[in-house]
Amino acid sequence: MSKRPTTQLPNAVDQPANDELIEGILDNAVKAAQRNAELFAKLAALARAIEQCNSSPARRAKLLFTFEELAISAEADAKLDTEFFEGLRNGQVMKQQLRSEHLQQEEAVPEFTILAPSTTTRH
């Protein structure tokens, strides 16, 4: 009797991504894109205001300070979004690697035969 040992993949690796997960990821991507678009629109408006500013150096300095704060905030948000989406991607890559390793292990395990001693005795 030939038997091949079977090992089970962890459930998280074995199950394909479901529609809710994909929808959630896409929803986060849309929100991140909208937030970035709003921040860049504010930065562009501030840049135009600074360029056209004919007021005092104090007013110009205040606009530049606001511009810098928005830019720092946009950069921090973009870094967080990048880390979030890279984490999701890396999780998918890791799942694919685990699946591949599991399949390779199954292929690498040679078939074997179990021999059991006879349970009958002769008298």
Protein backbone atom coordinates (compact mmCIF):
# COMPACT_ATOMS: atom_id res chain seq x y z
CA MET A 1 0.00 0.00 0.00
CA SER A 2 1.52 3.31 -1.06
CA LYS A 3 0.74 6.37 0.94
CA ARG A 4 1.93 9.87 0.53
CA PRO A 5 1.99 11.93 3.71
CA THR A 6 -0.30 14.88 3.53
CA THR A 7 0.26 18.06 5.39
CA GLN A 8 -2.33 20.73 5.52
CA LEU A 9 -1.75 24.32 4.61
CA PRO A 10 -2.75 26.84 7.25
CA ASN A 11 -6.23 28.19 6.53
CA ALA A 12 -4.94 31.71 5.85
CA VAL A 13 -2.66 30.36 3.12
CA ASP A 14 -5.14 27.90 1.67
CA GLN A 15 -8.10 30.24 1.22
CA PRO A 16 -8.21 32.68 -1.68
CA ALA A 17 -8.82 36.36 -0.97
CA ASN A 18 -12.51 37.07 -0.68
CA ASP A 19 -14.47 39.87 -2.25
CA GLU A 20 -14.90 41.75 1.05
CA LEU A 21 -11.14 41.87 1.59
CA ILE A 22 -10.51 43.11 -1.94
CA GLU A 23 -13.31 45.67 -1.60
CA GLY A 24 -11.81 46.91 1.69
CA ILE A 25 -8.36 47.25 0.15
CA LEU A 26 -9.73 49.16 -2.83
CA ASP A 27 -11.79 51.37 -0.52
CA ASN A 28 -8.62 52.25 1.44
CA ALA A 29 -6.78 52.97 -1.80
CA VAL A 30 -9.55 55.33 -2.98
CA LYS A 31 -9.63 57.14 0.37
CA ALA A 32 -5.84 57.54 0.33
CA ALA A 33 -5.92 58.88 -3.22
CA GLN A 34 -8.73 61.34 -2.36
CA ARG A 35 -6.88 62.54 0.74
CA ASN A 36 -3.70 63.05 -1.27
CA ALA A 37 -5.58 64.90 -4.01
CA GLU A 38 -7.10 67.25 -1.41
CA LEU A 39 -3.73 67.90 0.23
CA PHE A 40 -2.04 68.60 -3.08
CA ALA A 41 -4.87 70.93 -4.08
CA LYS A 42 -4.33 72.87 -0.82
CA LEU A 43 -0.59 72.96 -1.43
CA ALA A 44 -1.11 74.26 -4.95
CA ALA A 45 -3.51 76.96 -3.71
CA LEU A 46 -1.01 78.00 -1.02
CA ALA A 47 1.81 78.10 -3.54
CA ARG A 48 -0.26 80.42 -5.77
CA ALA A 49 -1.15 82.60 -2.77
CA ILE A 50 2.50 82.88 -1.75
CA GLU A 51 3.53 83.70 -5.31
CA GLN A 52 0.90 86.44 -5.60
CA CYS A 53 1.35 87.72 -2.07
CA ASN A 54 2.03 91.43 -2.00
CA SER A 55 1.56 91.72 1.71
CA SER A 56 3.95 91.95 4.61
CA PRO A 57 6.85 89.58 5.22
CA ALA A 58 5.00 88.35 8.31
CA ARG A 59 1.96 87.35 6.21
CA ARG A 60 4.23 85.65 3.65
CA ALA A 61 6.06 83.80 6.47
CA LYS A 62 2.72 82.60 7.84
CA LEU A 63 1.72 81.27 4.41
CA LEU A 64 5.08 79.52 4.05
CA PHE A 65 4.70 77.98 7.50
CA THR A 66 1.22 76.70 6.58
CA PHE A 67 2.60 75.37 3.31
CA GLU A 68 5.34 73.49 5.16
CA GLU A 69 2.87 72.03 7.68
CA LEU A 70 0.64 70.75 4.88
CA ALA A 71 3.61 69.31 3.00
CA ILE A 72 4.85 67.51 6.13
CA SER A 73 1.35 66.15 6.77
CA ALA A 74 1.02 64.99 3.16
CA GLU A 75 4.40 63.28 3.32
CA ALA A 76 3.53 61.49 6.59
CA ASP A 77 0.17 60.34 5.20
CA ALA A 78 1.80 59.11 2.00
CA LYS A 79 4.39 57.14 4.00
CA LEU A 80 1.67 55.53 6.11
CA ASP A 81 -0.33 54.65 3.00
CA THR A 82 2.78 53.19 1.38
CA GLU A 83 3.55 51.07 4.45
CA PHE A 84 -0.06 49.88 4.60
CA PHE A 85 -0.23 48.83 0.95
CA GLU A 86 3.28 47.35 1.00
CA GLY A 87 2.23 45.32 4.02
CA LEU A 88 -0.77 44.00 2.13
CA ARG A 89 1.36 43.22 -0.90
CA ASN A 90 4.03 41.53 1.22
CA GLY A 91 1.36 39.44 2.88
CA GLN A 92 0.17 38.27 -0.53
CA VAL A 93 3.74 37.56 -1.61
CA MET A 94 4.32 35.60 1.59
CA LYS A 95 1.16 33.56 1.00
CA GLN A 96 2.29 32.77 -2.54
CA GLN A 97 5.72 31.74 -1.28
CA LEU A 98 4.18 29.49 1.38
CA ARG A 99 1.92 27.87 -1.21
CA SER A 100 4.86 27.34 -3.54
CA GLU A 101 7.03 25.89 -0.76
CA HIS A 102 4.20 23.62 0.32
CA LEU A 103 3.71 22.31 -3.22
CA GLN A 104 7.47 21.79 -3.62
CA GLN A 105 7.58 19.86 -0.34
CA GLU A 106 4.75 17.63 -1.49
CA GLU A 107 6.58 16.94 -4.75
CA ALA A 108 9.87 16.31 -2.96
CA VAL A 109 8.47 13.72 -0.55
CA PRO A 110 8.99 10.31 -2.15
CA GLU A 111 6.23 7.78 -2.04
CA PHE A 112 6.75 5.07 0.52
CA THR A 113 5.29 1.72 1.38
CA ILE A 114 4.27 0.72 4.85
CA LEU A 115 5.13 -2.88 5.66
CA ALA A 116 3.43 -4.35 8.69
CA PRO A 117 4.41 -7.64 10.24
CA SER A 118 1.96 -10.43 9.75
CA THR A 119 -0.48 -10.90 12.60
CA THR A 120 -1.09 -14.54 11.80
CA THR A 121 1.02 -17.16 13.48
CA ARG A 122 1.72 -20.77 12.47
CA HIS A 123 1.57 -23.58 14.96
